[in-house]
Amino acid sequence: MRVIVGLGNPGMEYAWTPHNLGFLAVDAIAEGAGIRVQRPEAKSLVGYGAVAGSEAALAKPQTMMNLSGLAVRDLLARTASEPRDLIVLSDDVALPWGTLRIRERGTAGGHNGLKSIIGALGTDDFLRVRMGVQPDHPIGDLAEYVLHPMRKPELEAAGEMIEQAVEAVVLILKDGAARAMERFNRRVPPPEEIES
C-alpha cells in the first residue's frame, strides 16, 4: 500500500498558510480520487482508497508539524508499509513560489516536519514532493513567514502548485518517480513575482 502524507498543522488558524500546502495537496488528491480523509487513526486524519490504480492511505498528521514523524511511523506500522512506500508532500522555503521538486531521498533541508519523519523512521529514503514558498525578499522570522495567511497572489500560485503536486503523485504511482522527476523537476517558476 502506498502511504501519501501531506504535512501541515491542524487548526483553522493554519489552514491557508504556506506551511499547510501538504494538507491542501492531500485534500486535492482525495477529492480527485473520491476519498474522505476523516478517519482518526495513527495520530492523523486518514482516508483509504485507490489513487491512480494503487491502493493508498492518504493522511494528514494531527500532531503539529514538528512531531509529524510520530504519526508517519504509526501509519506505516498500521498499514504494514515500508518507508519506500511513503510519499510526503510539503512546503519548501528554499524553492521559489511555483516550483515543484521531487526527491527520492535526502536531508530535511531545514523543514521540521521532514526532520521529524527522518528521525522517527531512522532513514531519509522516502519520496518527497516539495512545493516552493520562498520569500521574494529577506525575512527576519522564517517561522512567522510560513505560518502567515497566504495573500491572493500566493493563493493563486499555491493553487497551481497543488494541481501540479496532484499530477506528480499520479505520475509517480503510474509510471514511477524517475518519470515524475523528469517532468516536474525542470519546471521553472512563473515570471510574475509574488507580492508580499
Protein backbone atom coordinates (compact mmCIF):
# COMPACT_ATOMS: atom_id res chain seq x y z
CA MET A 1 0.00 0.00 0.00
CA ARG A 2 1.23 3.49 -0.82
CA VAL A 3 1.10 5.95 2.06
CA ILE A 4 0.64 9.56 0.92
CA VAL A 5 1.17 12.09 3.69
CA GLY A 6 0.64 15.84 3.47
CA LEU A 7 2.44 17.90 6.09
CA GLY A 8 0.79 20.79 7.91
CA ASN A 9 -0.55 21.96 11.24
CA PRO A 10 -4.06 21.14 12.47
CA GLY A 11 -6.38 24.04 13.26
CA MET A 12 -8.24 26.65 11.23
CA GLU A 13 -5.66 29.35 12.04
CA TYR A 14 -3.10 27.40 9.99
CA ALA A 15 -5.37 26.19 7.17
CA TRP A 16 -4.34 28.70 4.49
CA THR A 17 -0.68 29.22 5.42
CA PRO A 18 2.30 28.23 3.24
CA HIS A 19 3.27 25.58 5.81
CA ASN A 20 -0.01 23.76 5.14
CA LEU A 21 0.46 23.17 1.41
CA GLY A 22 0.92 19.46 2.16
CA PHE A 23 -2.54 19.25 3.76
CA LEU A 24 -4.06 21.16 0.85
CA ALA A 25 -2.39 18.85 -1.68
CA VAL A 26 -3.65 15.72 0.10
CA ASP A 27 -7.16 17.22 0.14
CA ALA A 28 -6.90 17.74 -3.63
CA ILE A 29 -5.67 14.17 -4.22
CA ALA A 30 -8.51 12.88 -2.04
CA GLU A 31 -11.10 14.92 -3.91
CA GLY A 32 -9.89 13.60 -7.26
CA ALA A 33 -9.96 10.02 -6.01
CA GLY A 34 -13.27 10.28 -4.12
CA ILE A 35 -11.61 9.53 -0.76
CA ARG A 36 -12.67 11.10 2.54
CA VAL A 37 -9.67 11.91 4.75
CA GLN A 38 -11.56 12.00 8.05
CA ARG A 39 -10.82 8.81 9.98
CA PRO A 40 -8.84 9.47 13.18
CA GLU A 41 -6.04 6.92 13.16
CA ALA A 42 -2.30 6.87 13.89
CA LYS A 43 -2.33 10.46 15.21
CA SER A 44 -3.69 11.54 11.80
CA LEU A 45 -6.80 12.02 9.74
CA VAL A 46 -6.71 9.15 7.24
CA GLY A 47 -8.64 8.01 4.19
CA TYR A 48 -8.24 4.78 2.24
CA GLY A 49 -8.93 4.08 -1.41
CA ALA A 50 -7.48 3.82 -4.89
CA VAL A 51 -5.29 6.62 -6.28
CA ALA A 52 -4.21 6.22 -9.91
CA GLY A 53 -4.89 2.49 -9.68
CA SER A 54 -2.86 1.94 -6.49
CA GLU A 55 -4.27 1.14 -3.06
CA ALA A 56 -3.37 4.09 -0.90
CA ALA A 57 -3.72 5.64 2.52
CA LEU A 58 -4.00 9.43 2.44
CA ALA A 59 -3.07 11.13 5.69
CA LYS A 60 -2.80 14.50 7.41
CA PRO A 61 -0.87 14.18 10.69
CA GLN A 62 -2.59 15.95 13.60
CA THR A 63 0.50 16.15 15.82
CA MET A 64 1.67 19.63 14.78
CA MET A 65 4.43 19.85 12.19
CA ASN A 66 7.44 19.26 14.47
CA LEU A 67 6.09 15.85 15.58
CA SER A 68 4.88 14.59 12.18
CA GLY A 69 7.29 11.67 12.33
CA LEU A 70 5.38 10.05 15.21
CA ALA A 71 2.22 9.96 13.10
CA VAL A 72 4.01 8.73 9.96
CA ARG A 73 5.78 5.94 11.86
CA ASP A 74 2.46 4.79 13.37
CA LEU A 75 0.75 4.95 9.98
CA LEU A 76 3.43 2.85 8.28
CA ALA A 77 3.16 0.28 11.08
CA ARG A 78 -0.65 0.13 10.87
CA THR A 79 -0.63 -0.30 7.09
CA ALA A 80 2.32 -2.75 7.12
CA SER A 81 4.14 -0.37 4.77
CA GLU A 82 7.82 0.48 4.40
CA PRO A 83 9.46 3.92 4.03
CA ARG A 84 9.85 3.16 0.31
CA ASP A 85 6.01 3.09 0.09
CA LEU A 86 5.82 6.63 1.50
CA ILE A 87 5.22 9.86 -0.43
CA VAL A 88 5.44 13.07 1.63
CA LEU A 89 4.10 16.40 0.34
CA SER A 90 5.48 19.53 1.97
CA ASP A 91 6.29 23.21 1.53
CA ASP A 92 9.91 24.29 0.94
CA VAL A 93 11.27 27.79 1.64
CA ALA A 94 14.40 27.06 -0.43
CA LEU A 95 12.36 26.79 -3.65
CA PRO A 96 10.73 29.78 -5.42
CA TRP A 97 6.94 30.00 -5.48
CA GLY A 98 5.52 27.89 -8.28
CA THR A 99 8.43 25.42 -8.24
CA LEU A 100 7.93 21.72 -7.62
CA ARG A 101 10.77 19.35 -6.74
CA ILE A 102 10.54 15.59 -6.35
CA ARG A 103 13.28 13.74 -4.48
CA GLU A 104 13.66 10.04 -3.63
CA ARG A 105 15.79 10.72 -0.54
CA GLY A 106 17.84 13.44 1.11
CA THR A 107 18.11 15.72 4.10
CA ALA A 108 15.26 17.63 5.71
CA GLY A 109 16.58 20.88 4.25
CA GLY A 110 15.61 22.75 7.42
CA HIS A 111 11.99 21.55 7.28
CA ASN A 112 10.93 20.46 10.78
CA GLY A 113 8.26 18.06 9.53
CA LEU A 114 10.69 16.22 7.28
CA LYS A 115 13.30 16.28 10.06
CA SER A 116 10.80 14.63 12.41
CA ILE A 117 9.94 11.95 9.85
CA ILE A 118 13.60 11.16 9.15
CA GLY A 119 14.24 10.94 12.90
CA ALA A 120 11.23 8.71 13.60
CA LEU A 121 11.85 6.35 10.68
CA GLY A 122 15.63 6.28 11.02
CA THR A 123 16.01 6.81 7.27
CA ASP A 124 15.77 9.56 4.68
CA ASP A 125 14.97 7.00 1.98
CA PHE A 126 11.41 8.05 1.16
CA LEU A 127 9.89 10.05 -1.64
CA ARG A 128 9.02 13.68 -1.12
CA VAL A 129 7.20 16.23 -3.29
CA ARG A 130 8.33 19.72 -2.26
CA MET A 131 6.37 22.85 -3.14
CA GLY A 132 8.25 26.16 -3.23
CA VAL A 133 7.24 29.02 -0.92
CA GLN A 134 10.49 31.01 -0.90
CA PRO A 135 10.01 34.67 0.11
CA ASP A 136 10.99 37.18 -2.56
CA HIS A 137 12.64 39.48 0.00
CA PRO A 138 14.72 38.97 3.17
CA ILE A 139 12.70 37.60 6.08
CA GLY A 140 13.62 38.07 9.74
CA ASP A 141 11.48 35.26 11.14
CA LEU A 142 11.09 32.33 8.76
CA ALA A 143 8.68 30.51 11.10
CA GLU A 144 6.40 33.54 11.16
CA TYR A 145 6.57 33.74 7.36
CA VAL A 146 5.48 30.13 6.72
CA LEU A 147 2.65 30.49 9.26
CA HIS A 148 1.19 33.72 7.82
CA PRO A 149 -2.15 33.50 5.96
CA MET A 150 -1.47 33.48 2.23
CA ARG A 151 -2.48 36.59 0.28
CA LYS A 152 -4.27 36.47 -3.06
CA PRO A 153 -1.18 36.18 -5.33
CA GLU A 154 0.24 33.47 -3.05
CA LEU A 155 -3.07 31.61 -3.04
CA GLU A 156 -3.12 31.66 -6.85
CA ALA A 157 0.44 30.32 -7.04
CA ALA A 158 -0.40 27.74 -4.35
CA GLY A 159 -3.43 26.56 -6.31
CA GLU A 160 -1.31 25.94 -9.40
CA MET A 161 1.37 24.15 -7.37
CA ILE A 162 -1.22 21.94 -5.69
CA GLU A 163 -2.56 20.93 -9.11
CA GLN A 164 0.99 20.09 -10.20
CA ALA A 165 1.59 18.13 -6.99
CA VAL A 166 -1.53 16.04 -7.64
CA GLU A 167 -0.33 15.37 -11.20
CA ALA A 168 3.12 14.47 -9.85
CA VAL A 169 1.73 11.95 -7.35
CA VAL A 170 -0.46 10.36 -10.04
CA LEU A 171 2.56 10.09 -12.34
CA ILE A 172 4.70 8.60 -9.54
CA LEU A 173 2.05 5.95 -8.89
CA LYS A 174 1.52 5.15 -12.57
CA ASP A 175 5.00 5.44 -14.08
CA GLY A 176 7.47 5.78 -11.20
CA ALA A 177 9.44 8.54 -9.51
CA ALA A 178 12.06 8.92 -12.26
CA ARG A 179 9.39 9.80 -14.82
CA ALA A 180 7.80 12.32 -12.44
CA MET A 181 11.17 13.92 -11.65
CA GLU A 182 11.95 14.21 -15.36
CA ARG A 183 8.70 16.06 -15.93
CA PHE A 184 8.33 18.25 -12.85
CA ASN A 185 11.85 18.98 -11.62
CA ARG A 186 12.53 21.02 -14.77
CA ARG A 187 9.60 23.31 -14.21
CA VAL A 188 10.61 26.95 -13.80
CA PRO A 189 8.78 29.40 -11.54
CA PRO A 190 6.24 31.71 -13.17
CA PRO A 191 7.72 35.05 -14.34
CA GLU A 192 5.47 37.21 -12.21
CA GLU A 193 6.69 37.88 -8.68
CA ILE A 194 4.60 37.16 -5.63
CA GLU A 195 3.54 40.33 -3.87
CA SER A 196 4.02 40.38 -0.12
